[in-house]
Each structure stands twice: as structure tokens, then as C-alpha cells.
PDB file of N, CA and C in Angstrom:
ATOM      1  N   MET A   1       0.854  -1.172   0.000  1.00  0.00           N
ATOM      2  CA  MET A   1       0.000   0.000   0.000  1.00  0.00           C
ATOM      3  C   MET A   1       0.901   1.235   0.000  1.00  0.00           C
ATOM      4  N   SER A   2       0.531   2.229  -0.800  1.00  0.00           N
ATOM      5  CA  SER A   2       1.347   3.436  -0.867  1.00  0.00           C
ATOM      6  C   SER A   2       0.666   4.613  -0.175  1.00  0.00           C
ATOM      7  N   HIS A   3       1.463   5.604   0.114  1.00  0.00           N
ATOM      8  CA  HIS A   3       0.992   6.809   0.786  1.00  0.00           C
ATOM      9  C   HIS A   3       1.156   7.989  -0.168  1.00  0.00           C
ATOM     10  N   GLN A   4       0.098   8.793  -0.308  1.00  0.00           N
ATOM     11  CA  GLN A   4       0.130   9.986  -1.150  1.00  0.00           C
ATOM     12  C   GLN A   4      -0.290  11.185  -0.314  1.00  0.00           C
ATOM     13  N   SER A   5       0.354  12.317  -0.525  1.00  0.00           N
ATOM     14  CA  SER A   5      -0.025  13.566   0.132  1.00  0.00           C
ATOM     15  C   SER A   5      -0.438  14.581  -0.918  1.00  0.00           C
ATOM     16  N   LEU A   6      -1.529  15.270  -0.664  1.00  0.00           N
ATOM     17  CA  LEU A   6      -1.972  16.370  -1.515  1.00  0.00           C
ATOM     18  C   LEU A   6      -1.984  17.636  -0.670  1.00  0.00           C
ATOM     19  N   HIS A   7      -1.716  18.764  -1.308  1.00  0.00           N
ATOM     20  CA  HIS A   7      -1.756  20.053  -0.626  1.00  0.00           C
ATOM     21  C   HIS A   7      -2.809  20.920  -1.312  1.00  0.00           C
ATOM     22  N   PHE A   8      -3.633  21.581  -0.510  1.00  0.00           N
ATOM     23  CA  PHE A   8      -4.718  22.412  -1.021  1.00  0.00           C
ATOM     24  C   PHE A   8      -4.493  23.876  -0.665  1.00  0.00           C
ATOM     25  N   LYS A   9      -4.985  24.748  -1.545  1.00  0.00           N
ATOM     26  CA  LYS A   9      -5.084  26.182  -1.264  1.00  0.00           C
ATOM     27  C   LYS A   9      -6.501  26.590  -1.624  1.00  0.00           C
ATOM     28  N   GLY A  10      -7.188  27.244  -0.696  1.00  0.00           N
ATOM     29  CA  GLY A  10      -8.514  27.758  -0.993  1.00  0.00           C
ATOM     30  C   GLY A  10      -9.674  26.984  -0.407  1.00  0.00           C
ATOM     31  N   VAL A  11      -9.409  25.911   0.332  1.00  0.00           N
ATOM     32  CA  VAL A  11     -10.497  25.184   0.985  1.00  0.00           C
ATOM     33  C   VAL A  11     -10.972  26.041   2.154  1.00  0.00           C
ATOM     34  N   GLU A  12     -12.262  26.382   2.149  1.00  0.00           N
ATOM     35  CA  GLU A  12     -12.762  27.374   3.098  1.00  0.00           C
ATOM     36  C   GLU A  12     -13.669  26.841   4.203  1.00  0.00           C
ATOM     37  N   ASN A  13     -14.257  25.657   4.007  1.00  0.00           N
ATOM     38  CA  ASN A  13     -15.228  25.221   5.010  1.00  0.00           C
ATOM     39  C   ASN A  13     -15.333  23.701   5.086  1.00  0.00           C
ATOM     40  N   ALA A  14     -16.074  23.244   6.086  1.00  0.00           N
ATOM     41  CA  ALA A  14     -16.226  21.810   6.323  1.00  0.00           C
ATOM     42  C   ALA A  14     -16.975  21.120   5.186  1.00  0.00           C
ATOM     43  N   ALA A  15     -17.892  21.820   4.535  1.00  0.00           N
ATOM     44  CA  ALA A  15     -18.628  21.216   3.422  1.00  0.00           C
ATOM     45  C   ALA A  15     -17.672  20.843   2.292  1.00  0.00           C
ATOM     46  N   GLN A  16     -16.707  21.702   2.004  1.00  0.00           N
ATOM     47  CA  GLN A  16     -15.724  21.396   0.968  1.00  0.00           C
ATOM     48  C   GLN A  16     -14.834  20.231   1.388  1.00  0.00           C
ATOM     49  N   VAL A  17     -14.424  20.218   2.649  1.00  0.00           N
ATOM     50  CA  VAL A  17     -13.621  19.106   3.163  1.00  0.00           C
ATOM     51  C   VAL A  17     -14.395  17.794   3.013  1.00  0.00           C
ATOM     52  N   ASN A  18     -15.668  17.800   3.344  1.00  0.00           N
ATOM     53  CA  ASN A  18     -16.494  16.595   3.230  1.00  0.00           C
ATOM     54  C   ASN A  18     -16.632  16.138   1.785  1.00  0.00           C
ATOM     55  N   ARG A  19     -16.821  17.072   0.871  1.00  0.00           N
ATOM     56  CA  ARG A  19     -16.933  16.713  -0.552  1.00  0.00           C
ATOM     57  C   ARG A  19     -15.638  16.090  -1.060  1.00  0.00           C
ATOM     58  N   ILE A  20     -14.505  16.662  -0.675  1.00  0.00           N
ATOM     59  CA  ILE A  20     -13.207  16.128  -1.091  1.00  0.00           C
ATOM     60  C   ILE A  20     -13.001  14.734  -0.510  1.00  0.00           C
ATOM     61  N   THR A  21     -13.321  14.576   0.774  1.00  0.00           N
ATOM     62  CA  THR A  21     -13.176  13.271   1.428  1.00  0.00           C
ATOM     63  C   THR A  21     -13.989  12.213   0.698  1.00  0.00           C
ATOM     64  N   THR A  22     -15.239  12.517   0.395  1.00  0.00           N
ATOM     65  CA  THR A  22     -16.117  11.560  -0.288  1.00  0.00           C
ATOM     66  C   THR A  22     -15.570  11.222  -1.669  1.00  0.00           C
ATOM     67  N   ALA A  23     -15.135  12.225  -2.425  1.00  0.00           N
ATOM     68  CA  ALA A  23     -14.610  11.988  -3.773  1.00  0.00           C
ATOM     69  C   ALA A  23     -13.387  11.078  -3.740  1.00  0.00           C
ATOM     70  N   LEU A  24     -12.493  11.301  -2.789  1.00  0.00           N
ATOM     71  CA  LEU A  24     -11.289  10.477  -2.708  1.00  0.00           C
ATOM     72  C   LEU A  24     -11.602   9.058  -2.253  1.00  0.00           C
ATOM     73  N   MET A  25     -12.504   8.912  -1.285  1.00  0.00           N
ATOM     74  CA  MET A  25     -12.853   7.582  -0.790  1.00  0.00           C
ATOM     75  C   MET A  25     -13.560   6.735  -1.846  1.00  0.00           C
ATOM     76  N   MET A  26     -14.201   7.372  -2.814  1.00  0.00           N
ATOM     77  CA  MET A  26     -14.927   6.652  -3.861  1.00  0.00           C
ATOM     78  C   MET A  26     -13.997   6.051  -4.916  1.00  0.00           C
ATOM     79  N   LEU A  27     -12.743   6.473  -4.932  1.00  0.00           N
ATOM     80  CA  LEU A  27     -11.807   5.956  -5.930  1.00  0.00           C
ATOM     81  C   LEU A  27     -11.413   4.517  -5.630  1.00  0.00           C
ATOM     82  N   ASP A  28     -11.355   3.707  -6.683  1.00  0.00           N
ATOM     83  CA  ASP A  28     -10.886   2.337  -6.528  1.00  0.00           C
ATOM     84  C   ASP A  28      -9.453   2.337  -6.044  1.00  0.00           C
ATOM     85  N   GLY A  29      -9.173   1.514  -5.060  1.00  0.00           N
ATOM     86  CA  GLY A  29      -7.818   1.382  -4.544  1.00  0.00           C
ATOM     87  C   GLY A  29      -7.532   2.209  -3.305  1.00  0.00           C
ATOM     88  N   VAL A  30      -8.402   3.160  -2.973  1.00  0.00           N
ATOM     89  CA  VAL A  30      -8.180   3.987  -1.791  1.00  0.00           C
ATOM     90  C   VAL A  30      -8.623   3.213  -0.557  1.00  0.00           C
ATOM     91  N   GLU A  31      -7.716   3.110   0.416  1.00  0.00           N
ATOM     92  CA  GLU A  31      -8.004   2.395   1.659  1.00  0.00           C
ATOM     93  C   GLU A  31      -8.429   3.351   2.774  1.00  0.00           C
ATOM     94  N   SER A  32      -7.740   4.495   2.881  1.00  0.00           N
ATOM     95  CA  SER A  32      -8.094   5.468   3.918  1.00  0.00           C
ATOM     96  C   SER A  32      -7.707   6.867   3.460  1.00  0.00           C
ATOM     97  N   VAL A  33      -8.456   7.849   3.985  1.00  0.00           N
ATOM     98  CA  VAL A  33      -8.233   9.247   3.631  1.00  0.00           C
ATOM     99  C   VAL A  33      -8.392  10.104   4.872  1.00  0.00           C
ATOM    100  N   GLU A  34      -7.477  11.041   5.050  1.00  0.00           N
ATOM    101  CA  GLU A  34      -7.617  12.082   6.069  1.00  0.00           C
ATOM    102  C   GLU A  34      -7.505  13.406   5.340  1.00  0.00           C
ATOM    103  N   VAL A  35      -8.569  14.206   5.389  1.00  0.00           N
ATOM    104  CA  VAL A  35      -8.615  15.469   4.661  1.00  0.00           C
ATOM    105  C   VAL A  35      -8.802  16.613   5.644  1.00  0.00           C
ATOM    106  N   GLY A  36      -8.065  17.686   5.417  1.00  0.00           N
ATOM    107  CA  GLY A  36      -8.222  18.921   6.177  1.00  0.00           C
ATOM    108  C   GLY A  36      -8.237  20.097   5.222  1.00  0.00           C
ATOM    109  N   ARG A  37      -8.278  21.289   5.753  1.00  0.00           N
ATOM    110  CA  ARG A  37      -8.345  22.484   4.905  1.00  0.00           C
ATOM    111  C   ARG A  37      -7.093  22.688   4.057  1.00  0.00           C
ATOM    112  N   HIS A  38      -5.963  22.138   4.495  1.00  0.00           N
ATOM    113  CA  HIS A  38      -4.703  22.407   3.795  1.00  0.00           C
ATOM    114  C   HIS A  38      -4.150  21.197   3.050  1.00  0.00           C
ATOM    115  N   GLY A  39      -4.851  20.058   3.103  1.00  0.00           N
ATOM    116  CA  GLY A  39      -4.340  18.918   2.370  1.00  0.00           C
ATOM    117  C   GLY A  39      -5.015  17.612   2.733  1.00  0.00           C
ATOM    118  N   ALA A  40      -4.498  16.552   2.125  1.00  0.00           N
ATOM    119  CA  ALA A  40      -5.037  15.212   2.352  1.00  0.00           C
ATOM    120  C   ALA A  40      -3.903  14.211   2.407  1.00  0.00           C
ATOM    121  N   GLU A  41      -4.099  13.206   3.233  1.00  0.00           N
ATOM    122  CA  GLU A  41      -3.196  12.058   3.318  1.00  0.00           C
ATOM    123  C   GLU A  41      -4.004  10.842   2.892  1.00  0.00           C
ATOM    124  N   VAL A  42      -3.506  10.132   1.895  1.00  0.00           N
ATOM    125  CA  VAL A  42      -4.261   9.023   1.312  1.00  0.00           C
ATOM    126  C   VAL A  42      -3.410   7.762   1.340  1.00  0.00           C
ATOM    127  N   GLU A  43      -4.009   6.672   1.783  1.00  0.00           N
ATOM    128  CA  GLU A  43      -3.361   5.352   1.760  1.00  0.00           C
ATOM    129  C   GLU A  43      -4.111   4.470   0.766  1.00  0.00           C
ATOM    130  N   GLY A  44      -3.360   3.715  -0.019  1.00  0.00           N
ATOM    131  CA  GLY A  44      -3.988   2.776  -0.935  1.00  0.00           C
ATOM    132  C   GLY A  44      -3.200   2.647  -2.220  1.00  0.00           C
ATOM    133  N   ARG A  45      -3.776   1.902  -3.121  1.00  0.00           N
ATOM    134  CA  ARG A  45      -3.149   1.672  -4.424  1.00  0.00           C
ATOM    135  C   ARG A  45      -3.845   2.546  -5.463  1.00  0.00           C
ATOM    136  N   VAL A  46      -3.477   3.798  -5.480  1.00  0.00           N
ATOM    137  CA  VAL A  46      -4.064   4.766  -6.405  1.00  0.00           C
ATOM    138  C   VAL A  46      -2.982   5.777  -6.762  1.00  0.00           C
ATOM    139  N   THR A  47      -3.020   6.262  -7.994  1.00  0.00           N
ATOM    140  CA  THR A  47      -1.995   7.209  -8.417  1.00  0.00           C
ATOM    141  C   THR A  47      -2.308   8.620  -7.925  1.00  0.00           C
ATOM    142  N   ARG A  48      -1.274   9.392  -7.769  1.00  0.00           N
ATOM    143  CA  ARG A  48      -1.429  10.789  -7.376  1.00  0.00           C
ATOM    144  C   ARG A  48      -2.293  11.533  -8.397  1.00  0.00           C
ATOM    145  N   GLN A  49      -2.069  11.240  -9.680  1.00  0.00           N
ATOM    146  CA  GLN A  49      -2.827  11.914 -10.737  1.00  0.00           C
ATOM    147  C   GLN A  49      -4.322  11.602 -10.622  1.00  0.00           C
ATOM    148  N   ALA A  50      -4.680  10.386 -10.273  1.00  0.00           N
ATOM    149  CA  ALA A  50      -6.092  10.029 -10.102  1.00  0.00           C
ATOM    150  C   ALA A  50      -6.709  10.806  -8.942  1.00  0.00           C
ATOM    151  N   LEU A  51      -5.943  10.995  -7.879  1.00  0.00           N
ATOM    152  CA  LEU A  51      -6.430  11.767  -6.734  1.00  0.00           C
ATOM    153  C   LEU A  51      -6.682  13.220  -7.130  1.00  0.00           C
ATOM    154  N   ILE A  52      -5.737  13.791  -7.842  1.00  0.00           N
ATOM    155  CA  ILE A  52      -5.870  15.186  -8.275  1.00  0.00           C
ATOM    156  C   ILE A  52      -7.057  15.343  -9.218  1.00  0.00           C
ATOM    157  N   ARG A  53      -7.229  14.414 -10.157  1.00  0.00           N
ATOM    158  CA  ARG A  53      -8.378  14.468 -11.075  1.00  0.00           C
ATOM    159  C   ARG A  53      -9.696  14.408 -10.319  1.00  0.00           C
ATOM    160  N   ALA A  54      -9.765  13.576  -9.289  1.00  0.00           N
ATOM    161  CA  ALA A  54     -10.997  13.448  -8.509  1.00  0.00           C
ATOM    162  C   ALA A  54     -11.349  14.752  -7.809  1.00  0.00           C
ATOM    163  N   VAL A  55     -10.339  15.445  -7.288  1.00  0.00           N
ATOM    164  CA  VAL A  55     -10.594  16.724  -6.620  1.00  0.00           C
ATOM    165  C   VAL A  55     -10.985  17.787  -7.652  1.00  0.00           C
ATOM    166  N   HIS A  56     -10.302  17.839  -8.785  1.00  0.00           N
ATOM    167  CA  HIS A  56     -10.641  18.812  -9.827  1.00  0.00           C
ATOM    168  C   HIS A  56     -12.054  18.589 -10.356  1.00  0.00           C
ATOM    169  N   ALA A  57     -12.498  17.331 -10.416  1.00  0.00           N
ATOM    170  CA  ALA A  57     -13.832  17.018 -10.926  1.00  0.00           C
ATOM    171  C   ALA A  57     -14.936  17.639 -10.070  1.00  0.00           C
ATOM    172  N   LEU A  58     -14.624  17.985  -8.834  1.00  0.00           N
ATOM    173  CA  LEU A  58     -15.612  18.620  -7.961  1.00  0.00           C
ATOM    174  C   LEU A  58     -15.882  20.072  -8.355  1.00  0.00           C
ATOM    175  N   LYS A  59     -14.974  20.637  -9.167  1.00  0.00           N
ATOM    176  CA  LYS A  59     -15.100  22.020  -9.644  1.00  0.00           C
ATOM    177  C   LYS A  59     -15.197  23.030  -8.499  1.00  0.00           C
ATOM    178  N   LEU A  60     -14.417  22.771  -7.460  1.00  0.00           N
ATOM    179  CA  LEU A  60     -14.316  23.715  -6.343  1.00  0.00           C
ATOM    180  C   LEU A  60     -13.256  24.761  -6.675  1.00  0.00           C
ATOM    181  N   PRO A  61     -13.367  25.962  -6.125  1.00  0.00           N
ATOM    182  CA  PRO A  61     -12.375  27.013  -6.408  1.00  0.00           C
ATOM    183  C   PRO A  61     -11.117  26.846  -5.545  1.00  0.00           C
ATOM    184  N   ILE A  62     -10.436  25.701  -5.716  1.00  0.00           N
ATOM    185  CA  ILE A  62      -9.235  25.435  -4.925  1.00  0.00           C
ATOM    186  C   ILE A  62      -8.102  25.001  -5.836  1.00  0.00           C
ATOM    187  N   ASP A  63      -6.873  25.163  -5.352  1.00  0.00           N
ATOM    188  CA  ASP A  63      -5.688  24.666  -6.042  1.00  0.00           C
ATOM    189  C   ASP A  63      -5.246  23.390  -5.351  1.00  0.00           C
ATOM    190  N   VAL A  64      -4.831  22.413  -6.150  1.00  0.00           N
ATOM    191  CA  VAL A  64      -4.369  21.127  -5.626  1.00  0.00           C
ATOM    192  C   VAL A  64      -2.961  20.887  -6.138  1.00  0.00           C
ATOM    193  N   GLU A  65      -2.062  20.536  -5.221  1.00  0.00           N
ATOM    194  CA  GLU A  65      -0.678  20.211  -5.597  1.00  0.00           C
ATOM    195  C   GLU A  65      -0.322  18.844  -5.072  1.00  0.00           C
TER     196      GLU A  65
END
């Protein structure tokens, strides 16, 4: 199992954190996710690019690195 870290800019509230958490947990291969206003820690067999695409698909006004 691999560990991926994402960094966010612009996450403003708990509703956005919840949406990001749900989107990441729905990806095949994700075992666990911890999301906060400034980033996410993800465990599982999923690529970093897939994680970033999932967050961008939410169309939130945030930057993901």
C-alpha cells in the first residue's frame, strides 16, 4: 500500500472538506483518507494523478498540488 499527500489552497469550510473526502474515498484502490483544509493524506493503491483528477472534478475554487 502506498501513501500519497496532496496540498490544497482555498479550501474554506467543512462542506468542501467533506466533498473532497467523499470523492477520494470513492476511488478504486483507496483504503483510507484524512482530509483537512490544507491537504489530504491518502493510503492505498491509487496514483497521485487520479487523486488530483478526482478533486478537480468537484469544480471547487481550490488549487491542488
